[in-house]
């Protein structure tokens, strides 16, 4: 595969100053491969990068994009796990491989987070990412793409791995339980499918947009609740005979979402927090203490859950197609972000065809 010396890439400079520029094609280092990026997608975290409000970002300009998939175009030194031409899905984080968190598989909370010199990488967040024609990735972040999955579907692997990591941290077992999923965005809609695939007896989905809630119903939610028109916790207790949900996946990130989770979970239940919040939120922690509620915060796609998500997607247990709503070219990146942020046409997952 012939690799050019330069490429188009989307770089962030100052806050809200995003440009399509010509950049050198990166050279893969030890244990890395060069990917020809085929498809990328926009996530809520990319909006924080655009506004430069995400902690740990480089001070200098860098290439955006952390959800992408592509084809192996060149091999770095020491790589024999992949071959040129392999189709691969990408996960965001490569841990430092030296701290105790990384050794446990908690590389999304690496103790050397953001320290490039010590080996940590968070593509498109702390170093150059995948809104570009080429990207260099360590083999620890790559998964060979099954033949029955497209590059667009592969871009959803991290979206699926985030709630799966939360489920993993909560004990990894929801069979027979009632699960409340808060927030029918891309993560919440995939979380509904994950819980059903893992044997949940009932999944309740709450949110504020009827169109998204209806997508959730089609994807397996047993009950949907619009919290603009109904009291969410009261409705959850009604649906569970007053007990509350066995566990809650908080994927909404609203100002009152955590309070609603605490009011909706049963005594001794579990809350997995996947959402990011606009700022500090106020909750009545007495609800948690009085009822022995366990709260687990999950950053990103730790514990190799990207590979598990890919397997579930390949097996047809979760689907991404109905969540992918818009497509743009790399040169249309500003329009793509505008569509995503303003939710034009009920935008859920916005895809960039590189």
Protein backbone atom coordinates (compact mmCIF):
# COMPACT_ATOMS: atom_id res chain seq x y z
CA UNK A 1 0.00 0.00 0.00
CA UNK A 2 1.49 3.31 -1.11
CA UNK A 3 1.54 5.87 1.68
CA UNK A 4 1.80 9.59 0.85
CA UNK A 5 3.95 12.02 2.82
CA UNK A 6 1.13 14.43 3.67
CA UNK A 7 -2.55 14.13 4.55
CA UNK A 8 -5.68 16.12 5.35
CA UNK A 9 -6.46 16.38 9.05
CA UNK A 10 -8.77 18.28 11.39
CA UNK A 11 -6.73 20.19 13.97
CA UNK A 12 -7.92 22.11 17.02
CA UNK A 13 -6.06 25.32 17.80
CA UNK A 14 -7.67 27.75 20.23
CA UNK A 15 -11.14 27.04 21.63
CA UNK A 16 -13.68 26.62 18.82
CA UNK A 17 -10.94 27.11 16.21
CA UNK A 18 -11.09 23.85 14.24
CA UNK A 19 -9.35 23.70 10.85
CA UNK A 20 -8.91 21.21 8.02
CA UNK A 21 -5.17 21.35 7.33
CA UNK A 22 -2.37 19.54 5.54
CA UNK A 23 -0.22 17.60 7.99
CA UNK A 24 2.65 15.10 7.66
CA UNK A 25 1.57 11.47 7.68
CA UNK A 26 2.71 10.02 11.05
CA UNK A 27 5.31 7.27 11.14
CA UNK A 28 4.41 4.23 13.26
CA UNK A 29 6.75 3.65 16.18
CA UNK A 30 7.66 0.49 18.06
CA UNK A 31 4.58 -1.70 18.41
CA UNK A 32 2.47 0.60 16.26
CA UNK A 33 0.81 0.43 12.87
CA UNK A 34 -0.19 3.18 10.48
CA UNK A 35 -3.89 3.17 9.71
CA UNK A 36 -5.55 4.52 6.63
CA UNK A 37 -8.60 5.97 8.38
CA UNK A 38 -11.77 5.00 6.55
CA UNK A 39 -14.50 6.33 8.87
CA UNK A 40 -14.66 8.41 12.04
CA UNK A 41 -17.55 9.62 14.20
CA UNK A 42 -18.37 12.50 16.51
CA UNK A 43 -18.93 11.98 20.24
CA UNK A 44 -19.94 14.38 22.98
CA UNK A 45 -16.35 14.35 24.22
CA UNK A 46 -15.24 15.78 20.86
CA UNK A 47 -17.44 18.80 21.59
CA UNK A 48 -15.51 19.33 24.84
CA UNK A 49 -12.29 19.10 22.82
CA UNK A 50 -13.66 21.67 20.37
CA UNK A 51 -14.41 24.05 23.24
CA UNK A 52 -11.10 23.13 24.92
CA UNK A 53 -12.88 22.30 28.16
CA UNK A 54 -11.59 18.71 28.44
CA UNK A 55 -8.94 18.19 31.11
CA UNK A 56 -5.57 16.89 29.93
CA UNK A 57 -5.62 18.29 26.40
CA UNK A 58 -2.26 19.33 24.90
CA UNK A 59 -1.60 23.06 25.02
CA UNK A 60 -0.51 23.06 21.37
CA UNK A 61 -2.72 22.31 18.39
CA UNK A 62 -3.37 18.64 17.70
CA UNK A 63 -5.53 16.36 15.53
CA UNK A 64 -9.02 15.67 16.88
CA UNK A 65 -11.08 12.47 16.77
CA UNK A 66 -11.17 9.42 19.05
CA UNK A 67 -13.78 7.18 17.37
CA UNK A 68 -12.48 5.79 14.10
CA UNK A 69 -11.74 2.65 12.13
CA UNK A 70 -9.49 1.89 9.20
CA UNK A 71 -7.14 -0.31 7.23
CA UNK A 72 -3.57 -1.17 8.22
CA UNK A 73 -1.34 0.68 5.76
CA UNK A 74 2.13 0.13 7.27
CA UNK A 75 3.74 -1.75 10.15
CA UNK A 76 6.04 -0.27 12.76
CA UNK A 77 9.06 -2.09 14.23
CA UNK A 78 8.28 -5.34 16.02
CA UNK A 79 4.72 -5.73 14.75
CA UNK A 80 3.66 -9.18 13.54
CA UNK A 81 0.15 -9.28 15.04
CA UNK A 82 -1.38 -7.48 12.04
CA UNK A 83 -0.77 -7.41 8.31
CA UNK A 84 -1.06 -4.64 5.76
CA UNK A 85 -4.64 -4.58 4.50
CA UNK A 86 -6.24 -5.76 7.76
CA UNK A 87 -9.48 -3.97 8.64
CA UNK A 88 -9.46 -2.86 12.27
CA UNK A 89 -11.60 -1.18 14.91
CA UNK A 90 -9.87 1.25 17.27
CA UNK A 91 -10.29 1.94 20.97
CA UNK A 92 -9.31 5.27 22.44
CA UNK A 93 -6.97 4.51 25.31
CA UNK A 94 -3.57 2.89 25.48
CA UNK A 95 -2.35 2.72 29.05
CA UNK A 96 1.22 3.28 30.14
CA UNK A 97 1.51 -0.49 30.82
CA UNK A 98 3.54 0.25 33.95
CA UNK A 99 1.21 1.61 36.67
CA UNK A 100 -0.95 -0.62 38.88
CA UNK A 101 -4.19 0.57 37.27
CA UNK A 102 -3.03 -0.40 33.79
CA UNK A 103 -1.87 -3.78 35.04
CA UNK A 104 -5.39 -4.36 36.39
CA UNK A 105 -6.92 -3.41 33.03
CA UNK A 106 -8.07 0.00 34.25
CA UNK A 107 -6.05 1.79 31.58
CA UNK A 108 -8.73 4.45 31.10
CA UNK A 109 -7.78 5.66 34.58
CA UNK A 110 -4.03 5.26 34.02
CA UNK A 111 -1.99 6.90 36.77
CA UNK A 112 0.20 8.40 34.02
CA UNK A 113 -2.81 9.69 32.07
CA UNK A 114 -1.68 12.16 29.43
CA UNK A 115 2.03 11.43 29.93
CA UNK A 116 3.19 10.64 26.40
CA UNK A 117 6.78 10.04 27.57
CA UNK A 118 5.59 7.20 29.83
CA UNK A 119 3.58 5.54 27.09
CA UNK A 120 0.02 6.69 27.75
CA UNK A 121 -2.16 7.62 24.77
CA UNK A 122 -5.76 8.82 24.55
CA UNK A 123 -6.17 9.31 20.83
CA UNK A 124 -7.76 12.62 19.90
CA UNK A 125 -7.90 13.64 23.56
CA UNK A 126 -4.29 13.88 24.77
CA UNK A 127 -2.52 13.28 21.45
CA UNK A 128 -3.22 13.22 17.71
CA UNK A 129 -6.35 11.28 16.81
CA UNK A 130 -8.32 10.00 13.86
CA UNK A 131 -10.02 12.96 12.16
CA UNK A 132 -7.40 12.54 9.48
CA UNK A 133 -6.55 10.42 6.48
CA UNK A 134 -3.93 8.49 8.49
CA UNK A 135 -3.31 7.74 12.17
CA UNK A 136 -0.66 5.79 14.07
CA UNK A 137 -2.02 3.38 16.68
CA UNK A 138 -0.41 0.97 19.11
CA UNK A 139 -1.50 -2.63 18.53
CA UNK A 140 -2.96 -2.72 22.07
CA UNK A 141 -5.74 -0.43 20.82
CA UNK A 142 -6.69 -2.43 17.71
CA UNK A 143 -9.17 -5.23 17.07
CA UNK A 144 -9.43 -7.08 13.79
CA UNK A 145 -12.81 -6.27 12.26
CA UNK A 146 -15.10 -9.26 11.57
CA UNK A 147 -16.12 -9.60 7.92
CA UNK A 148 -19.80 -9.02 8.69
CA UNK A 149 -19.18 -5.57 10.19
CA UNK A 150 -18.64 -2.31 8.32
CA UNK A 151 -16.22 0.47 9.21
CA UNK A 152 -19.20 2.61 10.25
CA UNK A 153 -20.34 -0.04 12.71
CA UNK A 154 -16.77 -0.36 13.97
CA UNK A 155 -16.81 3.34 14.92
CA UNK A 156 -19.47 2.46 17.50
CA UNK A 157 -17.23 0.05 19.40
CA UNK A 158 -16.13 2.61 21.97
CA UNK A 159 -19.73 3.83 22.31
CA UNK A 160 -20.72 0.29 23.22
CA UNK A 161 -17.67 -0.43 25.36
CA UNK A 162 -18.31 2.47 27.74
CA UNK A 163 -21.57 1.14 29.26
CA UNK A 164 -20.19 -2.39 29.07
CA UNK A 165 -17.22 -1.26 31.18
CA UNK A 166 -19.68 0.21 33.70
CA UNK A 167 -21.56 -3.10 33.81
CA UNK A 168 -18.22 -4.85 34.24
CA UNK A 169 -17.33 -2.63 37.21
CA UNK A 170 -20.78 -3.19 38.76
CA UNK A 171 -20.22 -6.92 38.78
CA UNK A 172 -20.90 -7.82 35.17
CA UNK A 173 -24.09 -9.73 35.89
CA UNK A 174 -27.56 -8.36 35.12
CA UNK A 175 -29.37 -11.59 34.19
CA UNK A 176 -32.87 -11.59 35.65
CA UNK A 177 -32.60 -8.02 36.91
CA UNK A 178 -34.54 -4.85 36.16
CA UNK A 179 -32.17 -2.24 34.75
CA UNK A 180 -32.91 1.45 34.40
CA UNK A 181 -31.03 3.20 31.58
CA UNK A 182 -31.12 6.99 31.87
CA UNK A 183 -30.58 8.90 28.63
CA UNK A 184 -31.49 7.71 25.10
CA UNK A 185 -28.39 9.06 23.39
CA UNK A 186 -26.04 6.74 21.46
CA UNK A 187 -24.52 5.30 24.66
CA UNK A 188 -27.89 4.80 26.35
CA UNK A 189 -29.44 3.20 23.28
CA UNK A 190 -26.58 0.72 23.06
CA UNK A 191 -26.76 0.17 26.83
CA UNK A 192 -30.37 -0.97 26.38
CA UNK A 193 -29.22 -3.62 23.92
CA UNK A 194 -26.29 -4.70 26.09
CA UNK A 195 -28.52 -5.27 29.09
CA UNK A 196 -30.95 -7.34 27.05
CA UNK A 197 -28.08 -9.34 25.56
CA UNK A 198 -26.79 -10.02 29.08
CA UNK A 199 -30.13 -11.39 30.19
CA UNK A 200 -31.83 -8.47 31.94
CA UNK A 201 -35.42 -9.39 32.70
CA UNK A 202 -36.59 -5.85 32.06
CA UNK A 203 -35.00 -2.63 30.80
CA UNK A 204 -36.60 0.74 31.51
CA UNK A 205 -35.37 3.68 29.42
CA UNK A 206 -35.92 7.29 30.52
CA UNK A 207 -35.27 10.52 28.66
CA UNK A 208 -36.73 13.77 27.40
CA UNK A 209 -37.15 13.15 23.66
CA UNK A 210 -39.98 10.94 22.43
CA UNK A 211 -38.29 10.18 19.10
CA UNK A 212 -35.19 8.83 20.82
CA UNK A 213 -37.23 6.92 23.38
CA UNK A 214 -39.12 5.23 20.56
CA UNK A 215 -35.81 4.13 19.01
CA UNK A 216 -34.99 2.65 22.41
CA UNK A 217 -38.26 0.76 22.42
CA UNK A 218 -37.46 -0.71 19.00
CA UNK A 219 -34.01 -1.72 20.27
CA UNK A 220 -35.44 -3.68 23.19
CA UNK A 221 -36.52 -1.35 26.01
CA UNK A 222 -39.47 -2.92 27.80
CA UNK A 223 -40.75 0.43 29.10
CA UNK A 224 -39.99 4.03 28.17
CA UNK A 225 -40.58 7.10 30.33
CA UNK A 226 -40.44 10.73 29.20
CA UNK A 227 -39.28 12.56 32.32
CA UNK A 228 -40.57 15.86 30.96
CA UNK A 229 -44.13 14.62 31.26
CA UNK A 230 -43.81 12.00 34.01
CA UNK A 231 -42.00 11.72 37.33
CA UNK A 232 -39.23 9.30 36.40
CA UNK A 233 -38.44 7.77 39.82
CA UNK A 234 -42.13 7.43 40.67
CA UNK A 235 -42.80 5.65 37.39
CA UNK A 236 -39.82 3.32 37.93
CA UNK A 237 -41.12 2.36 41.36
CA UNK A 238 -44.56 1.80 39.89
CA UNK A 239 -43.08 -0.52 37.27
CA UNK A 240 -41.11 -2.43 39.95
CA UNK A 241 -43.87 -2.81 42.53
CA UNK A 242 -42.28 -0.17 44.73
CA UNK A 243 -38.87 -1.85 44.93
CA UNK A 244 -36.89 0.23 42.45
CA UNK A 245 -34.46 -0.86 39.75
CA UNK A 246 -31.83 -3.44 40.62
CA UNK A 247 -29.27 -1.28 38.88
CA UNK A 248 -29.11 2.01 37.00
CA UNK A 249 -26.90 2.98 34.08
CA UNK A 250 -26.68 6.78 34.20
CA UNK A 251 -26.01 7.84 30.61
CA UNK A 252 -27.89 11.17 30.62
CA UNK A 253 -25.58 13.63 32.36
CA UNK A 254 -28.33 16.10 33.23
CA UNK A 255 -28.29 18.38 36.25
CA UNK A 256 -30.80 16.17 38.09
CA UNK A 257 -29.89 12.77 36.58
CA UNK A 258 -27.87 11.45 39.52
CA UNK A 259 -30.56 12.47 41.98
CA UNK A 260 -33.12 10.63 39.83
CA UNK A 261 -30.84 7.58 39.77
CA UNK A 262 -30.63 7.58 43.57
CA UNK A 263 -34.40 7.90 43.85
CA UNK A 264 -34.96 5.09 41.32
CA UNK A 265 -32.54 2.38 42.47
CA UNK A 266 -33.58 -0.24 45.02
CA UNK A 267 -32.03 -0.58 48.46
CA UNK A 268 -28.68 -2.27 48.07
CA UNK A 269 -28.75 -1.57 44.34
CA UNK A 270 -26.03 -0.37 42.00
CA UNK A 271 -25.52 2.74 39.91
CA UNK A 272 -23.05 2.80 37.02
CA UNK A 273 -22.20 6.35 35.96
CA UNK A 274 -21.19 6.61 32.29
CA UNK A 275 -22.26 10.20 31.59
CA UNK A 276 -20.15 13.35 31.67
CA UNK A 277 -21.66 16.44 33.29
CA UNK A 278 -21.55 20.11 32.37
CA UNK A 279 -20.43 20.94 35.90
CA UNK A 280 -20.89 19.97 39.56
CA UNK A 281 -24.25 18.41 40.41
CA UNK A 282 -26.10 18.41 43.73
CA UNK A 283 -27.44 15.11 45.09
CA UNK A 284 -28.79 13.84 48.39
CA UNK A 285 -26.09 11.31 49.29
CA UNK A 286 -28.12 10.27 52.32
CA UNK A 287 -30.23 8.26 49.88
CA UNK A 288 -27.15 6.23 48.99
CA UNK A 289 -25.88 5.85 52.55
CA UNK A 290 -29.24 4.87 54.06
CA UNK A 291 -29.81 2.19 51.44
CA UNK A 292 -26.29 0.83 50.88
CA UNK A 293 -26.35 1.92 47.25
CA UNK A 294 -23.10 1.22 45.43
CA UNK A 295 -21.96 3.81 42.87
CA UNK A 296 -19.43 2.98 40.16
CA UNK A 297 -18.00 5.62 37.82
CA UNK A 298 -16.71 4.29 34.51
CA UNK A 299 -14.46 6.29 32.23
CA UNK A 300 -14.39 5.18 28.61
CA UNK A 301 -13.83 1.66 27.42
CA UNK A 302 -11.54 -0.04 29.95
CA UNK A 303 -11.01 -3.71 30.62
CA UNK A 304 -10.77 -4.69 26.93
CA UNK A 305 -14.51 -4.14 26.60
CA UNK A 306 -14.04 -2.81 23.08
CA UNK A 307 -13.21 -6.34 21.98
CA UNK A 308 -16.23 -7.75 23.82
CA UNK A 309 -18.48 -5.10 22.27
CA UNK A 310 -17.17 -5.98 18.83
CA UNK A 311 -17.97 -9.64 19.44
CA UNK A 312 -21.51 -8.79 20.57
CA UNK A 313 -22.00 -6.58 17.53
CA UNK A 314 -20.70 -9.27 15.18
CA UNK A 315 -23.07 -11.80 16.78
CA UNK A 316 -26.03 -9.48 16.18
CA UNK A 317 -26.67 -8.90 19.88
CA UNK A 318 -26.29 -5.14 19.50
CA UNK A 319 -26.86 -3.05 16.40
CA UNK A 320 -25.52 0.37 15.51
CA UNK A 321 -27.29 1.02 12.22
CA UNK A 322 -30.37 2.70 13.68
CA UNK A 323 -28.19 4.98 15.81
CA UNK A 324 -26.08 6.21 12.87
CA UNK A 325 -28.14 9.09 11.48
CA UNK A 326 -25.89 11.43 9.44
CA UNK A 327 -22.88 11.25 7.14
CA UNK A 328 -20.37 13.93 6.11
CA UNK A 329 -17.01 14.18 4.35
CA UNK A 330 -13.89 15.27 6.26
CA UNK A 331 -14.02 18.69 4.56
CA UNK A 332 -17.54 19.14 5.96
CA UNK A 333 -16.39 18.82 9.58
CA UNK A 334 -17.89 22.17 10.67
CA UNK A 335 -21.30 21.25 9.27
CA UNK A 336 -21.01 17.82 10.88
CA UNK A 337 -20.36 19.33 14.33
CA UNK A 338 -23.17 21.84 13.89
CA UNK A 339 -25.56 19.01 13.02
CA UNK A 340 -24.44 16.97 16.02
CA UNK A 341 -24.48 19.79 18.59
CA UNK A 342 -27.82 21.24 17.45
CA UNK A 343 -29.32 17.74 17.01
CA UNK A 344 -30.51 18.65 13.53
CA UNK A 345 -32.72 15.92 12.11
CA UNK A 346 -32.62 14.14 15.49
CA UNK A 347 -28.90 13.56 15.02
CA UNK A 348 -27.54 10.73 17.14
CA UNK A 349 -24.28 9.38 15.77
CA UNK A 350 -22.72 11.55 13.06
CA UNK A 351 -20.27 9.76 10.78
CA UNK A 352 -17.28 11.30 8.96
CA UNK A 353 -16.31 9.44 5.80
CA UNK A 354 -12.58 10.01 5.44
